[in-house]
Protein backbone atom coordinates (compact mmCIF):
# COMPACT_ATOMS: atom_id res chain seq x y z
CA UNK A 1 0.05 -0.14 0.10
CA UNK A 2 1.21 3.40 -0.93
CA UNK A 3 1.10 6.29 1.14
CA UNK A 4 0.01 9.64 -0.11
CA UNK A 5 2.39 12.67 0.66
CA UNK A 6 -0.27 15.40 1.75
CA UNK A 7 0.32 18.98 1.01
CA UNK A 8 0.66 20.53 4.51
CA UNK A 9 -1.77 23.40 3.76
CA UNK A 10 -4.56 20.70 2.68
CA UNK A 11 -3.68 19.14 6.07
CA UNK A 12 -4.38 22.25 7.96
CA UNK A 13 -7.67 22.32 5.96
CA UNK A 14 -8.55 18.79 7.16
CA UNK A 15 -7.37 19.67 10.77
CA UNK A 16 -9.84 22.74 10.53
CA UNK A 17 -12.77 20.39 9.64
CA UNK A 18 -11.41 17.86 12.26
CA UNK A 19 -11.14 14.96 9.25
CA UNK A 20 -8.48 12.72 8.20
CA UNK A 21 -7.47 13.70 4.49
CA UNK A 22 -9.11 10.44 3.39
CA UNK A 23 -12.45 11.57 5.09
CA UNK A 24 -12.10 15.11 4.03
CA UNK A 25 -11.79 13.83 0.15
CA UNK A 26 -14.92 11.74 0.58
CA UNK A 27 -16.98 14.54 2.23
CA UNK A 28 -15.72 17.06 -0.48
CA UNK A 29 -16.42 14.44 -3.37
CA UNK A 30 -20.09 14.56 -2.11
CA UNK A 31 -20.37 18.44 -1.40
CA UNK A 32 -18.61 19.25 -4.44
CA UNK A 33 -19.51 16.81 -7.10
CA UNK A 34 -17.33 17.23 -10.08
CA UNK A 35 -14.81 19.44 -8.24
CA UNK A 36 -13.57 17.70 -5.31
CA UNK A 37 -11.00 20.08 -4.39
CA UNK A 38 -13.50 23.22 -4.76
CA UNK A 39 -13.83 23.06 -0.62
CA UNK A 40 -10.04 23.42 -0.14
CA UNK A 41 -9.59 26.13 -2.67
CA UNK A 42 -12.56 27.97 -0.99
CA UNK A 43 -11.22 27.74 2.46
CA UNK A 44 -7.70 28.53 1.29
CA UNK A 45 -8.57 31.49 -0.90
CA UNK A 46 -10.45 32.68 2.42
CA UNK A 47 -7.34 32.06 4.75
CA UNK A 48 -5.16 34.15 2.30
CA UNK A 49 -7.49 37.14 2.30
CA UNK A 50 -7.70 36.89 6.01
CA UNK A 51 -3.88 36.55 6.21
CA UNK A 52 -3.39 39.53 3.91
CA UNK A 53 -5.77 41.82 6.09
CA UNK A 54 -4.08 41.03 9.26
CA UNK A 55 -0.44 40.18 8.00
CA UNK A 56 0.42 42.43 4.80
CA UNK A 57 3.89 41.94 5.30
CA UNK A 58 3.47 38.14 3.87
CA UNK A 59 2.59 39.64 0.56
CA UNK A 60 3.87 41.53 -2.15
CA UNK A 61 2.31 43.72 -4.96
CA UNK A 62 3.39 42.44 -8.13
CA UNK A 63 2.96 43.47 -11.79
CA UNK A 64 -0.25 45.05 -12.35
CA UNK A 65 -1.36 45.31 -8.82
CA UNK A 66 -1.63 41.34 -8.52
CA UNK A 67 -0.49 40.36 -5.06
CA UNK A 68 1.45 37.44 -4.22
CA UNK A 69 2.64 35.54 -1.20
CA UNK A 70 6.22 36.02 -0.28
CA UNK A 71 6.74 34.88 3.17
CA UNK A 72 5.53 31.29 2.93
CA UNK A 73 7.31 30.04 6.19
CA UNK A 74 5.47 32.53 8.39
CA UNK A 75 2.35 32.29 6.44
CA UNK A 76 2.47 28.75 7.22
CA UNK A 77 2.91 29.37 10.59
CA UNK A 78 0.19 31.74 10.92
CA UNK A 79 -2.21 29.26 8.94
CA UNK A 80 -1.52 26.38 11.50
CA UNK A 81 -2.23 28.74 14.42
CA UNK A 82 -5.33 30.16 13.17
CA UNK A 83 -6.91 26.70 13.21
CA UNK A 84 -9.03 26.15 16.58
């Protein structure tokens, strides 16, 4: 049996919903038919927006005013600490 190497930010999403990665995938397959990663994308987009409001130093303003995440290490620390 092979083990999946889970993305740490996806694992944070699972912890936030008190589910294992496998349970979260099954839940999201039912919740979002045809787009099982939609729940994660929506959740993580909201977390990025929250971090941008509370920690703008994690981001930079790029070409044409498009923001980008610059400080991945501190963002990931913040993300994990933001999960109750």
